[in-house]
């Protein structure tokens, strides 16, 4: 084979190798770039959601101040309500804080003038008794605002008006000005609300799909990369979508460097084979130089990967901190539930105490009259009352203590009896009938005793809340052994307004701003059930009311494994 033909064969082989290798190397570089972009976007999105949720809670708290409620009830502003809103706006750095009547009139306000009336989707939702959020309707030339609307409730439960808390979007924009990558948050309609580049939202882009990644080609933007990989994340809590643009140029350069290394190595090997041993030593030297270059580039990539690994470790530490905070919230929820039941349980214990006193006085009288057999009957009844009080106290102490996340064998029958002791007085006081499973042999399941008690207590108290004030209020608790073991709680209340959101945090149909209306009970119960391998579901019944079902693993399966 002549030298010219050999060179042609080598060139064709290198072209074929390049055509096969480039998509793989380019795709791997984009995968690494996308992983880093998603991590950066997650950090920015979590920070934004946390910031906006603080303003949402500010609107909820402002709607509960007595002066604000009084002004809304009167349908007219007051100096006290105006001063209260001003102090809240100053302390929380809100751009605008307004009290609005049901007809849209602004009764009291803090911040720049916004007109005598208010409107928009957030206000409309708040006037129905729910929390509203979205872009505020502002006069021309006024600052852009993202608005939270919280209903102001009358003591009887009706909606008197709403508190609108306006967050300055321009100020939030400035929080991300120093971020190295272009970042923006937009509404579902595509309107860019928050960004760290002035050109975002006003440039022409051409979308390209490469190996499962979305790439944008951006023309005529000085502050934006010419070609960028787009990482996106939905933020349903605030109704926005976050996007981050990562410049693909570094990834392309890395892939080209690797491709150059592959082609150079292949060229060296092909040249050695085609040209023979005469040039072997010279080509080997060139190959070693190329290897050093590849090694240097590989070291740079490893350093970059090490940096990404550190960022991932920091993210996991943050998730662990969040998990600990959630566990603290679970314990706080249990103590709050005990606080709500404290008055009723005090009455429940007071009845047997009064009976003990009466039986003791009777026993003393019978002994003085020389009738020891009747005194023994009174003493026996005192012992029965003491056992009853001890059972109630044991249930409270077991429910209040913290529990680790270990999964063990738990008697579901004992869990049901403990919860029955805790809620029995409340059901009796509100005139509701609660049907419990008949006492029988233990039913052993896999779980945590305290966590199972909290899940069942949350379900039963939610059911009692749903039937409170209704004629024929009734709650039914049933248990069915099997694989899985099924525990159901059914009520004849009004049902669930939005079944698809029942397990979302902070979703509630109860009074906003009160302890029983935070909307965390079902969310916590769903997470607790998952922590020991169970499953909690809920649905509305055709004849009215709601049914929740908790499916648990029987203990015998763990023993067999």
Protein backbone atom coordinates (compact mmCIF):
# COMPACT_ATOMS: atom_id res chain seq x y z
CA UNK A 1 0.00 0.00 0.00
CA UNK A 2 1.49 3.38 -1.01
CA UNK A 3 2.17 6.16 1.44
CA UNK A 4 -0.59 8.38 -0.01
CA UNK A 5 -3.20 5.60 0.22
CA UNK A 6 -2.10 4.79 3.78
CA UNK A 7 -2.54 8.42 4.79
CA UNK A 8 -6.03 8.48 3.19
CA UNK A 9 -7.07 5.33 5.07
CA UNK A 10 -5.79 6.81 8.34
CA UNK A 11 -7.70 10.09 7.78
CA UNK A 12 -10.94 8.27 6.98
CA UNK A 13 -10.55 6.12 10.08
CA UNK A 14 -10.00 9.18 12.28
CA UNK A 15 -13.07 10.89 10.79
CA UNK A 16 -15.19 7.82 11.53
CA UNK A 17 -13.83 7.59 15.09
CA UNK A 18 -14.53 11.29 15.63
CA UNK A 19 -18.08 10.97 14.32
CA UNK A 20 -18.76 8.08 16.73
CA UNK A 21 -16.95 9.53 19.77
CA UNK A 22 -18.17 13.14 19.65
CA UNK A 23 -21.85 12.54 20.57
CA UNK A 24 -20.80 10.38 23.53
CA UNK A 25 -18.19 12.82 24.85
CA UNK A 26 -20.43 15.84 24.25
CA UNK A 27 -23.38 14.15 25.97
CA UNK A 28 -21.30 13.25 29.04
CA UNK A 29 -20.03 16.83 29.31
CA UNK A 30 -23.62 18.11 29.11
CA UNK A 31 -24.71 15.61 31.78
CA UNK A 32 -22.07 16.94 34.18
CA UNK A 33 -23.03 20.52 33.33
CA UNK A 34 -26.75 19.77 33.90
CA UNK A 35 -26.02 18.17 37.27
CA UNK A 36 -24.20 21.27 38.49
CA UNK A 37 -26.87 23.59 37.06
CA UNK A 38 -29.66 21.69 38.83
CA UNK A 39 -27.78 21.88 42.13
CA UNK A 40 -27.31 25.67 41.76
CA UNK A 41 -30.96 26.13 40.77
CA UNK A 42 -32.15 24.07 43.76
CA UNK A 43 -30.22 26.29 46.16
CA UNK A 44 -31.60 29.49 44.60
CA UNK A 45 -35.17 28.14 44.39
CA UNK A 46 -35.17 27.00 48.03
CA UNK A 47 -33.91 30.41 49.11
CA UNK A 48 -36.66 32.22 47.13
CA UNK A 49 -39.45 29.96 48.44
CA UNK A 50 -38.23 30.42 52.02
CA UNK A 51 -38.16 34.21 51.58
CA UNK A 52 -41.65 34.43 50.03
CA UNK A 53 -43.16 32.08 52.62
CA UNK A 54 -42.04 34.49 55.35
CA UNK A 55 -44.07 37.24 53.66
CA UNK A 56 -47.05 34.88 53.32
CA UNK A 57 -46.97 34.18 57.07
CA UNK A 58 -46.70 37.94 57.70
CA UNK A 59 -49.98 38.49 55.79
CA UNK A 60 -51.67 35.68 57.78
CA UNK A 61 -50.52 37.10 61.13
CA UNK A 62 -51.50 40.67 60.18
CA UNK A 63 -55.03 39.48 59.35
CA UNK A 64 -55.46 38.21 62.93
CA UNK A 65 -54.60 41.46 64.79
CA UNK A 66 -57.68 42.70 66.73
CA UNK A 67 -57.37 46.26 65.39
CA UNK A 68 -57.28 44.97 61.80
CA UNK A 69 -60.28 42.67 62.39
CA UNK A 70 -62.19 45.54 64.02
CA UNK A 71 -61.52 47.88 61.08
CA UNK A 72 -62.62 45.21 58.58
CA UNK A 73 -65.78 44.53 60.58
CA UNK A 74 -66.60 48.24 60.68
CA UNK A 75 -65.91 48.64 56.95
CA UNK A 76 -63.80 51.73 57.62
CA UNK A 77 -60.13 52.42 58.32
CA UNK A 78 -58.85 53.33 61.77
CA UNK A 79 -55.71 55.04 63.05
CA UNK A 80 -54.88 51.98 65.16
CA UNK A 81 -55.13 49.61 62.18
CA UNK A 82 -53.12 52.04 60.01
CA UNK A 83 -50.37 52.22 62.65
CA UNK A 84 -50.33 48.44 63.08
CA UNK A 85 -49.92 47.85 59.35
CA UNK A 86 -47.17 50.48 59.20
CA UNK A 87 -45.18 48.81 61.98
CA UNK A 88 -45.52 45.39 60.34
CA UNK A 89 -44.43 46.73 56.93
CA UNK A 90 -41.40 48.48 58.47
CA UNK A 91 -40.26 45.39 60.39
CA UNK A 92 -40.70 42.94 57.49
CA UNK A 93 -39.49 45.24 54.66
CA UNK A 94 -42.80 44.86 52.78
CA UNK A 95 -43.33 47.35 49.95
CA UNK A 96 -47.07 47.63 50.60
CA UNK A 97 -49.51 46.30 53.20
CA UNK A 98 -53.21 47.03 52.76
CA UNK A 99 -56.49 46.16 54.49
CA UNK A 100 -59.23 45.73 51.87
CA UNK A 101 -62.98 45.44 52.39
CA UNK A 102 -65.10 42.81 50.64
CA UNK A 103 -66.13 45.35 47.97
CA UNK A 104 -62.49 46.13 47.12
CA UNK A 105 -62.18 49.43 49.02
CA UNK A 106 -58.79 50.02 50.66
CA UNK A 107 -59.58 50.73 54.34
CA UNK A 108 -56.02 51.13 55.69
CA UNK A 109 -52.62 50.95 54.00
CA UNK A 110 -48.88 51.15 54.62
CA UNK A 111 -46.47 51.98 51.82
CA UNK A 112 -46.74 54.08 48.65
CA UNK A 113 -50.20 55.12 47.38
CA UNK A 114 -51.80 52.33 45.35
CA UNK A 115 -55.25 53.78 44.63
CA UNK A 116 -58.53 53.67 46.61
CA UNK A 117 -59.48 50.19 45.41
CA UNK A 118 -57.78 46.83 45.02
CA UNK A 119 -58.45 43.78 42.89
CA UNK A 120 -56.90 40.79 41.19
CA UNK A 121 -56.80 37.00 41.58
CA UNK A 122 -55.03 36.99 45.02
CA UNK A 123 -57.76 39.20 46.53
CA UNK A 124 -60.56 37.18 44.91
CA UNK A 125 -59.19 33.98 46.40
CA UNK A 126 -58.72 35.54 49.86
CA UNK A 127 -62.35 36.71 49.91
CA UNK A 128 -63.41 33.06 49.56
CA UNK A 129 -61.56 32.22 52.78
CA UNK A 130 -58.33 30.81 51.29
CA UNK A 131 -54.81 32.16 50.92
CA UNK A 132 -54.17 33.98 47.63
CA UNK A 133 -50.91 34.69 45.84
CA UNK A 134 -49.81 36.11 42.50
CA UNK A 135 -48.71 39.23 40.67
CA UNK A 136 -50.39 42.34 42.09
CA UNK A 137 -52.48 44.73 40.00
CA UNK A 138 -50.69 48.10 40.40
CA UNK A 139 -51.16 51.54 38.80
CA UNK A 140 -49.02 52.39 35.73
CA UNK A 141 -45.49 53.36 36.74
CA UNK A 142 -45.76 51.78 40.21
CA UNK A 143 -43.18 49.17 41.35
CA UNK A 144 -43.82 45.54 40.42
CA UNK A 145 -45.25 43.56 43.35
CA UNK A 146 -45.80 39.88 44.13
CA UNK A 147 -48.80 39.81 46.42
CA UNK A 148 -50.01 37.50 49.20
CA UNK A 149 -53.65 37.84 50.31
CA UNK A 150 -54.92 36.50 53.64
CA UNK A 151 -58.62 36.57 54.61
CA UNK A 152 -59.76 38.50 57.68
CA UNK A 153 -62.29 36.35 59.52
CA UNK A 154 -65.14 37.50 61.74
CA UNK A 155 -65.39 35.86 65.18
CA UNK A 156 -68.29 33.85 63.81
CA UNK A 157 -66.28 32.54 60.86
CA UNK A 158 -67.33 34.78 57.96
CA UNK A 159 -64.87 36.67 55.74
CA UNK A 160 -64.81 40.41 56.50
CA UNK A 161 -62.10 41.39 54.03
CA UNK A 162 -58.46 40.64 53.29
CA UNK A 163 -54.92 41.79 54.05
CA UNK A 164 -52.72 42.24 50.94
CA UNK A 165 -48.93 42.02 51.45
CA UNK A 166 -46.95 43.32 48.44
CA UNK A 167 -43.33 42.16 47.99
CA UNK A 168 -41.07 44.42 45.89
CA UNK A 169 -39.91 42.22 42.97
CA UNK A 170 -37.14 44.68 42.05
CA UNK A 171 -35.62 44.26 45.52
CA UNK A 172 -35.70 40.47 45.19
CA UNK A 173 -34.06 40.80 41.76
CA UNK A 174 -31.09 42.47 43.42
CA UNK A 175 -30.53 39.45 45.70
CA UNK A 176 -29.27 37.40 42.73
CA UNK A 177 -27.38 40.12 40.85
CA UNK A 178 -24.01 38.62 41.79
CA UNK A 179 -24.88 35.03 40.77
CA UNK A 180 -22.46 33.79 38.08
CA UNK A 181 -25.15 32.04 36.02
CA UNK A 182 -28.23 33.73 34.50
CA UNK A 183 -31.26 32.87 36.65
CA UNK A 184 -34.94 33.78 36.41
CA UNK A 185 -38.35 32.86 37.85
CA UNK A 186 -41.46 33.11 35.67
CA UNK A 187 -45.24 32.62 35.95
CA UNK A 188 -46.97 29.65 34.26
CA UNK A 189 -47.86 32.07 31.45
CA UNK A 190 -44.15 32.70 30.82
CA UNK A 191 -43.94 36.22 32.32
CA UNK A 192 -40.49 36.73 33.91
CA UNK A 193 -40.95 38.18 37.42
CA UNK A 194 -37.51 37.77 39.00
CA UNK A 195 -34.15 37.63 37.21
CA UNK A 196 -30.48 38.47 37.74
CA UNK A 197 -29.95 39.68 34.14
CA UNK A 198 -31.81 42.65 32.71
CA UNK A 199 -31.98 41.03 29.25
CA UNK A 200 -33.83 37.91 30.38
CA UNK A 201 -37.38 37.84 29.13
CA UNK A 202 -36.67 40.22 26.21
CA UNK A 203 -34.32 38.19 23.99
CA UNK A 204 -35.04 35.87 21.08
CA UNK A 205 -34.07 32.26 21.71
CA UNK A 206 -34.03 29.13 19.58
CA UNK A 207 -34.59 25.88 21.47
CA UNK A 208 -32.42 22.85 20.65
CA UNK A 209 -32.69 19.34 22.10
CA UNK A 210 -29.43 17.43 22.65
CA UNK A 211 -29.41 13.98 24.33
CA UNK A 212 -32.37 14.75 26.57
CA UNK A 213 -31.18 18.28 27.47
CA UNK A 214 -32.84 21.55 26.44
CA UNK A 215 -30.37 24.04 24.94
CA UNK A 216 -31.07 27.67 24.02
CA UNK A 217 -29.29 29.58 21.27
CA UNK A 218 -29.44 33.27 22.26
CA UNK A 219 -28.69 36.03 19.77
CA UNK A 220 -27.75 39.65 20.50
CA UNK A 221 -27.46 39.48 24.31
CA UNK A 222 -24.26 40.83 25.87
CA UNK A 223 -24.82 39.48 29.38
CA UNK A 224 -26.09 36.04 28.32
CA UNK A 225 -24.19 33.07 26.85
CA UNK A 226 -24.58 32.47 23.13
CA UNK A 227 -25.54 28.85 23.79
CA UNK A 228 -26.86 27.71 27.18
CA UNK A 229 -28.19 24.54 28.81
CA UNK A 230 -31.51 25.22 30.60
CA UNK A 231 -32.26 23.67 34.01
CA UNK A 232 -35.85 24.17 35.24
CA UNK A 233 -37.77 23.47 38.43
CA UNK A 234 -41.43 24.01 39.31
CA UNK A 235 -42.17 25.88 42.57
CA UNK A 236 -45.86 25.05 43.24
CA UNK A 237 -45.79 26.68 46.69
CA UNK A 238 -45.39 30.15 45.12
CA UNK A 239 -46.79 29.37 41.65
CA UNK A 240 -43.56 30.03 39.73
CA UNK A 241 -41.06 28.12 37.58
CA UNK A 242 -37.33 28.66 38.13
CA UNK A 243 -34.81 28.41 35.28
CA UNK A 244 -31.01 28.62 35.19
CA UNK A 245 -28.92 29.09 32.03
CA UNK A 246 -25.55 27.31 32.13
CA UNK A 247 -23.01 28.32 29.46
CA UNK A 248 -22.19 25.24 27.33
CA UNK A 249 -18.86 26.64 26.13
CA UNK A 250 -16.78 25.09 28.98
CA UNK A 251 -18.50 21.72 28.47
CA UNK A 252 -17.87 21.88 24.71
CA UNK A 253 -14.22 22.74 25.30
CA UNK A 254 -13.84 19.82 27.71
CA UNK A 255 -15.46 17.43 25.23
CA UNK A 256 -13.25 18.77 22.41
CA UNK A 257 -10.16 18.28 24.55
CA UNK A 258 -11.15 14.69 25.26
CA UNK A 259 -11.99 14.11 21.59
CA UNK A 260 -8.62 15.58 20.62
CA UNK A 261 -6.95 13.17 23.02
CA UNK A 262 -8.85 10.19 21.60
CA UNK A 263 -8.14 11.17 17.99
CA UNK A 264 -4.50 11.92 18.72
CA UNK A 265 -4.02 8.57 20.41
CA UNK A 266 -5.76 6.85 17.50
CA UNK A 267 -3.66 8.80 15.01
CA UNK A 268 -0.48 7.82 16.79
CA UNK A 269 -1.49 4.18 16.86
CA UNK A 270 -2.52 4.23 13.19
CA UNK A 271 0.65 6.01 12.13
CA UNK A 272 2.76 3.50 14.01
CA UNK A 273 1.01 0.63 12.27
CA UNK A 274 1.10 2.19 8.78
CA UNK A 275 4.60 3.64 8.79
CA UNK A 276 6.37 0.69 10.47
CA UNK A 277 9.06 0.54 13.09
CA UNK A 278 11.23 3.25 11.57
CA UNK A 279 9.21 6.01 13.21
CA UNK A 280 8.06 4.10 16.29
CA UNK A 281 10.26 5.92 18.82
CA UNK A 282 9.33 9.39 17.51
CA UNK A 283 5.62 8.63 17.58
CA UNK A 284 5.93 7.13 21.07
CA UNK A 285 7.44 10.41 22.31
CA UNK A 286 4.55 12.33 20.77
CA UNK A 287 2.09 9.94 22.41
CA UNK A 288 3.70 10.49 25.80
CA UNK A 289 3.45 14.25 25.40
CA UNK A 290 -0.22 13.86 24.46
CA UNK A 291 -0.78 11.64 27.49
CA UNK A 292 0.67 14.29 29.75
CA UNK A 293 -1.69 16.85 28.24
CA UNK A 294 -4.65 14.50 28.69
CA UNK A 295 -3.52 13.78 32.26
CA UNK A 296 -3.31 17.50 33.01
CA UNK A 297 -6.77 18.05 31.57
CA UNK A 298 -8.09 15.04 33.48
CA UNK A 299 -6.66 16.47 36.69
CA UNK A 300 -8.55 19.71 36.04
CA UNK A 301 -11.77 17.79 35.47
CA UNK A 302 -11.22 15.78 38.66
CA UNK A 303 -10.72 19.02 40.59
CA UNK A 304 -13.99 20.32 39.15
CA UNK A 305 -15.74 17.05 40.08
CA UNK A 306 -14.30 17.30 43.62
CA UNK A 307 -15.83 20.77 43.94
CA UNK A 308 -19.18 19.41 42.76
CA UNK A 309 -18.90 16.56 45.30
CA UNK A 310 -18.39 19.08 48.10
CA UNK A 311 -21.47 20.99 46.99
CA UNK A 312 -23.49 17.75 46.98
CA UNK A 313 -22.26 16.96 50.50
CA UNK A 314 -23.34 20.42 51.68
CA UNK A 315 -26.73 19.86 50.11
CA UNK A 316 -27.11 16.52 51.92
CA UNK A 317 -26.21 18.20 55.21
CA UNK A 318 -28.93 20.77 54.54
CA UNK A 319 -31.42 17.97 53.82
CA UNK A 320 -30.42 16.24 57.07
CA UNK A 321 -31.02 19.51 58.94
CA UNK A 322 -34.44 19.75 57.26
CA UNK A 323 -35.22 16.19 58.34
CA UNK A 324 -34.34 17.04 61.94
CA UNK A 325 -36.53 20.14 61.75
CA UNK A 326 -39.41 18.00 60.43
CA UNK A 327 -38.95 15.56 63.35
CA UNK A 328 -39.09 18.51 65.77
CA UNK A 329 -42.31 19.64 64.04
CA UNK A 330 -43.79 16.16 64.55
CA UNK A 331 -43.02 16.31 68.31
CA UNK A 332 -44.42 19.86 68.51
CA UNK A 333 -47.58 18.69 66.76
CA UNK A 334 -48.05 15.94 69.35
CA UNK A 335 -47.63 18.36 72.26
CA UNK A 336 -50.04 20.83 70.59
CA UNK A 337 -52.62 18.04 70.28
CA UNK A 338 -52.21 17.22 73.97
CA UNK A 339 -52.63 20.90 74.81
CA UNK A 340 -55.91 21.04 72.91
CA UNK A 341 -57.17 17.96 74.80
CA UNK A 342 -55.85 19.04 78.22
CA UNK A 343 -59.04 20.67 79.49
CA UNK A 344 -61.19 17.72 78.50
CA UNK A 345 -58.77 15.17 79.94
CA UNK A 346 -58.70 17.13 83.21
CA UNK A 347 -62.46 16.71 83.42
CA UNK A 348 -62.11 13.03 82.47
CA UNK A 349 -59.72 12.48 85.42
CA UNK A 350 -61.80 14.64 87.79
CA UNK A 351 -64.83 12.31 87.56
CA UNK A 352 -63.04 9.16 88.87
CA UNK A 353 -61.28 11.29 91.53
CA UNK A 354 -64.62 12.48 92.86
CA UNK A 355 -65.86 8.88 92.77
CA UNK A 356 -62.76 7.73 94.72
CA UNK A 357 -63.48 10.34 97.41
CA UNK A 358 -67.11 9.27 97.68
CA UNK A 359 -66.28 5.53 97.88
CA UNK A 360 -63.59 6.24 100.50
CA UNK A 361 -66.07 8.12 102.70
CA UNK A 362 -68.58 5.25 102.28
CA UNK A 363 -65.93 2.67 103.22
CA UNK A 364 -65.08 4.61 106.41
CA UNK A 365 -68.77 4.83 107.32
CA UNK A 366 -69.33 1.08 106.76
CA UNK A 367 -66.32 0.22 108.95
CA UNK A 368 -67.69 2.42 111.77
CA UNK A 369 -71.04 0.58 111.48
CA UNK A 370 -69.33 -2.82 111.57
CA UNK A 371 -70.15 -3.76 107.96
CA UNK A 372 -66.74 -4.74 106.49
CA UNK A 373 -68.24 -6.51 103.46
CA UNK A 374 -69.79 -3.25 102.19
CA UNK A 375 -66.54 -1.41 102.95
CA UNK A 376 -64.68 -4.00 100.82
CA UNK A 377 -67.04 -3.31 97.89
CA UNK A 378 -66.25 0.43 98.10
CA UNK A 379 -62.52 -0.27 98.26
CA UNK A 380 -62.81 -2.50 95.17
CA UNK A 381 -64.52 0.30 93.26
CA UNK A 382 -61.73 2.70 94.36
CA UNK A 383 -59.19 0.26 92.89
CA UNK A 384 -61.15 0.14 89.60
CA UNK A 385 -61.22 3.96 89.41
CA UNK A 386 -57.45 4.06 90.04
CA UNK A 387 -56.82 1.59 87.20
CA UNK A 388 -58.95 3.73 84.89
CA UNK A 389 -57.00 6.91 85.73
CA UNK A 390 -53.69 5.06 85.40
CA UNK A 391 -54.66 3.82 81.92
CA UNK A 392 -55.45 7.39 80.76
CA UNK A 393 -52.19 8.78 82.20
CA UNK A 394 -50.13 5.97 80.62
CA UNK A 395 -51.65 6.74 77.22
CA UNK A 396 -50.79 10.43 77.57
CA UNK A 397 -47.22 9.75 78.70
CA UNK A 398 -46.59 7.27 75.88
CA UNK A 399 -48.00 9.67 73.29
CA UNK A 400 -45.99 12.68 74.56
CA UNK A 401 -42.57 11.05 74.54
CA UNK A 402 -40.27 11.35 71.52
CA UNK A 403 -39.51 8.20 69.54
CA UNK A 404 -36.55 7.30 67.34
CA UNK A 405 -37.02 6.23 63.73
CA UNK A 406 -36.43 2.50 64.38
CA UNK A 407 -39.13 0.12 63.10
CA UNK A 408 -40.30 -2.64 65.45
CA UNK A 409 -43.26 -4.95 66.08
CA UNK A 410 -46.21 -2.96 67.52
CA UNK A 411 -49.59 -4.16 68.84
CA UNK A 412 -52.12 -2.17 66.76
CA UNK A 413 -54.93 -3.10 69.18
CA UNK A 414 -53.08 -1.38 72.04
CA UNK A 415 -52.47 1.69 69.87
CA UNK A 416 -56.23 1.96 69.15
CA UNK A 417 -57.09 1.61 72.87
CA UNK A 418 -54.60 4.37 73.80
CA UNK A 419 -56.04 6.81 71.25
CA UNK A 420 -59.59 5.93 72.34
CA UNK A 421 -58.71 6.90 75.93
CA UNK A 422 -57.33 10.28 74.75
CA UNK A 423 -60.28 11.38 72.53
CA UNK A 424 -63.20 9.75 74.37
CA UNK A 425 -64.12 12.83 76.43
CA UNK A 426 -63.97 15.26 73.48
CA UNK A 427 -66.30 13.04 71.45
CA UNK A 428 -68.70 12.78 74.38
CA UNK A 429 -68.61 16.58 74.98
CA UNK A 430 -69.48 17.43 71.36
CA UNK A 431 -72.19 14.76 71.16
CA UNK A 432 -70.43 12.69 68.50
CA UNK A 433 -70.56 8.90 68.34
CA UNK A 434 -67.23 7.13 67.80
CA UNK A 435 -67.37 3.40 66.93
CA UNK A 436 -64.16 1.60 67.93
CA UNK A 437 -63.12 -1.98 67.02
CA UNK A 438 -64.07 -4.58 69.59
CA UNK A 439 -61.20 -5.49 71.93
CA UNK A 440 -59.59 -8.78 70.96
CA UNK A 441 -56.29 -10.53 70.44
CA UNK A 442 -53.23 -8.40 69.61
CA UNK A 443 -52.65 -7.58 65.94
CA UNK A 444 -48.91 -7.13 65.38
CA UNK A 445 -47.65 -4.80 62.65
CA UNK A 446 -44.34 -3.20 61.71
CA UNK A 447 -44.03 0.45 62.79
CA UNK A 448 -43.37 2.77 65.75
CA UNK A 449 -45.82 2.84 68.65
CA UNK A 450 -45.77 6.61 69.22
CA UNK A 451 -45.78 7.41 65.49
CA UNK A 452 -48.74 5.06 64.93
CA UNK A 453 -50.59 6.73 67.83
CA UNK A 454 -50.01 10.16 66.32
CA UNK A 455 -51.22 9.09 62.84
CA UNK A 456 -54.42 7.58 64.27
CA UNK A 457 -54.98 10.55 66.64
CA UNK A 458 -54.60 13.00 63.74
CA UNK A 459 -57.11 11.04 61.62
CA UNK A 460 -59.68 10.73 64.44
CA UNK A 461 -59.41 14.39 65.54
CA UNK A 462 -59.71 15.53 61.89
CA UNK A 463 -62.84 13.40 61.58
CA UNK A 464 -64.29 14.93 64.78
CA UNK A 465 -63.50 18.42 63.43
CA UNK A 466 -65.37 17.52 60.21
CA UNK A 467 -68.56 16.32 62.00
CA UNK A 468 -68.63 18.96 64.77
CA UNK A 469 -71.98 20.73 64.93
CA UNK A 470 -73.73 18.23 62.60
CA UNK A 471 -76.84 16.24 63.54
CA UNK A 472 -76.04 12.56 63.95
CA UNK A 473 -72.27 13.19 64.03
CA UNK A 474 -70.52 9.84 63.72
CA UNK A 475 -66.96 8.56 63.31
CA UNK A 476 -66.13 4.91 62.67
CA UNK A 477 -62.72 3.26 63.26
CA UNK A 478 -62.27 -0.24 61.82
CA UNK A 479 -59.34 -2.67 61.65
CA UNK A 480 -58.92 -5.67 59.31
CA UNK A 481 -56.07 -8.15 59.74
CA UNK A 482 -54.39 -9.49 56.61
CA UNK A 483 -51.57 -8.61 54.28
CA UNK A 484 -51.52 -5.67 54.53
CA UNK A 485 -53.29 -4.86 57.82
CA UNK A 486 -55.89 -2.17 57.11
CA UNK A 487 -56.99 0.53 59.57
CA UNK A 488 -59.79 2.86 58.36
CA UNK A 489 -61.31 6.07 59.80
CA UNK A 490 -64.69 7.12 58.31
CA UNK A 491 -66.86 10.17 59.10
CA UNK A 492 -70.19 11.56 57.90
CA UNK A 493 -68.93 15.13 57.53
CA UNK A 494 -68.91 17.33 54.39
CA UNK A 495 -65.94 15.51 52.79
CA UNK A 496 -62.68 16.87 51.39
CA UNK A 497 -62.95 20.00 49.22
CA UNK A 498 -59.79 19.28 47.15
CA UNK A 499 -58.86 15.57 47.48
CA UNK A 500 -55.78 15.99 45.29
CA UNK A 501 -54.21 18.40 47.81
CA UNK A 502 -55.17 16.74 51.08
CA UNK A 503 -51.56 15.72 51.89
CA UNK A 504 -49.95 19.02 50.80
CA UNK A 505 -48.27 20.96 53.67
CA UNK A 506 -50.33 23.96 54.90
CA UNK A 507 -53.45 22.86 52.98
CA UNK A 508 -56.47 23.18 55.26
CA UNK A 509 -60.16 24.03 55.08
CA UNK A 510 -60.16 25.23 58.73
CA UNK A 511 -59.76 28.75 60.04
CA UNK A 512 -56.53 30.34 58.78
CA UNK A 513 -54.09 31.49 61.44
CA UNK A 514 -55.45 29.29 64.24
CA UNK A 515 -53.58 26.32 65.67
CA UNK A 516 -56.04 23.85 64.22
CA UNK A 517 -55.91 25.43 60.78
CA UNK A 518 -52.21 25.16 59.81
CA UNK A 519 -52.86 22.21 57.49
CA UNK A 520 -49.93 20.08 58.75
CA UNK A 521 -51.75 17.12 60.38
CA UNK A 522 -52.38 15.04 57.25
CA UNK A 523 -49.00 15.96 55.74
CA UNK A 524 -47.18 14.81 58.91
CA UNK A 525 -49.33 11.64 59.12
CA UNK A 526 -48.53 10.78 55.48
CA UNK A 527 -44.79 11.18 56.13
CA UNK A 528 -44.94 9.16 59.39
CA UNK A 529 -46.76 6.31 57.64
CA UNK A 530 -44.11 6.20 54.92
CA UNK A 531 -41.30 6.21 57.54
CA UNK A 532 -42.22 2.71 58.71
CA UNK A 533 -43.23 1.28 55.33
CA UNK A 534 -46.96 2.00 55.54
CA UNK A 535 -49.26 3.85 53.13
CA UNK A 536 -51.94 6.45 53.97
CA UNK A 537 -54.68 7.26 51.43
CA UNK A 538 -57.92 9.24 51.58
CA UNK A 539 -61.04 9.77 49.47
CA UNK A 540 -64.59 11.12 49.57
CA UNK A 541 -67.50 8.71 49.92
CA UNK A 542 -70.40 8.65 47.47
CA UNK A 543 -72.98 9.10 50.26
CA UNK A 544 -71.05 11.94 51.92
CA UNK A 545 -68.16 12.10 54.32
CA UNK A 546 -64.56 11.01 53.96
CA UNK A 547 -62.62 7.79 54.47
CA UNK A 548 -58.91 7.48 55.28
CA UNK A 549 -57.16 4.11 55.06
CA UNK A 550 -53.78 3.23 56.64
CA UNK A 551 -52.16 0.08 55.22
CA UNK A 552 -49.45 -1.51 57.39
CA UNK A 553 -47.05 -4.43 57.00
CA UNK A 554 -47.88 -7.42 59.25
CA UNK A 555 -45.07 -8.39 61.63
CA UNK A 556 -45.01 -12.01 60.46
CA UNK A 557 -43.56 -11.01 57.05
CA UNK A 558 -40.54 -9.41 58.77
CA UNK A 559 -40.03 -12.53 60.86
CA UNK A 560 -40.14 -14.76 57.77
CA UNK A 561 -37.61 -12.57 55.95
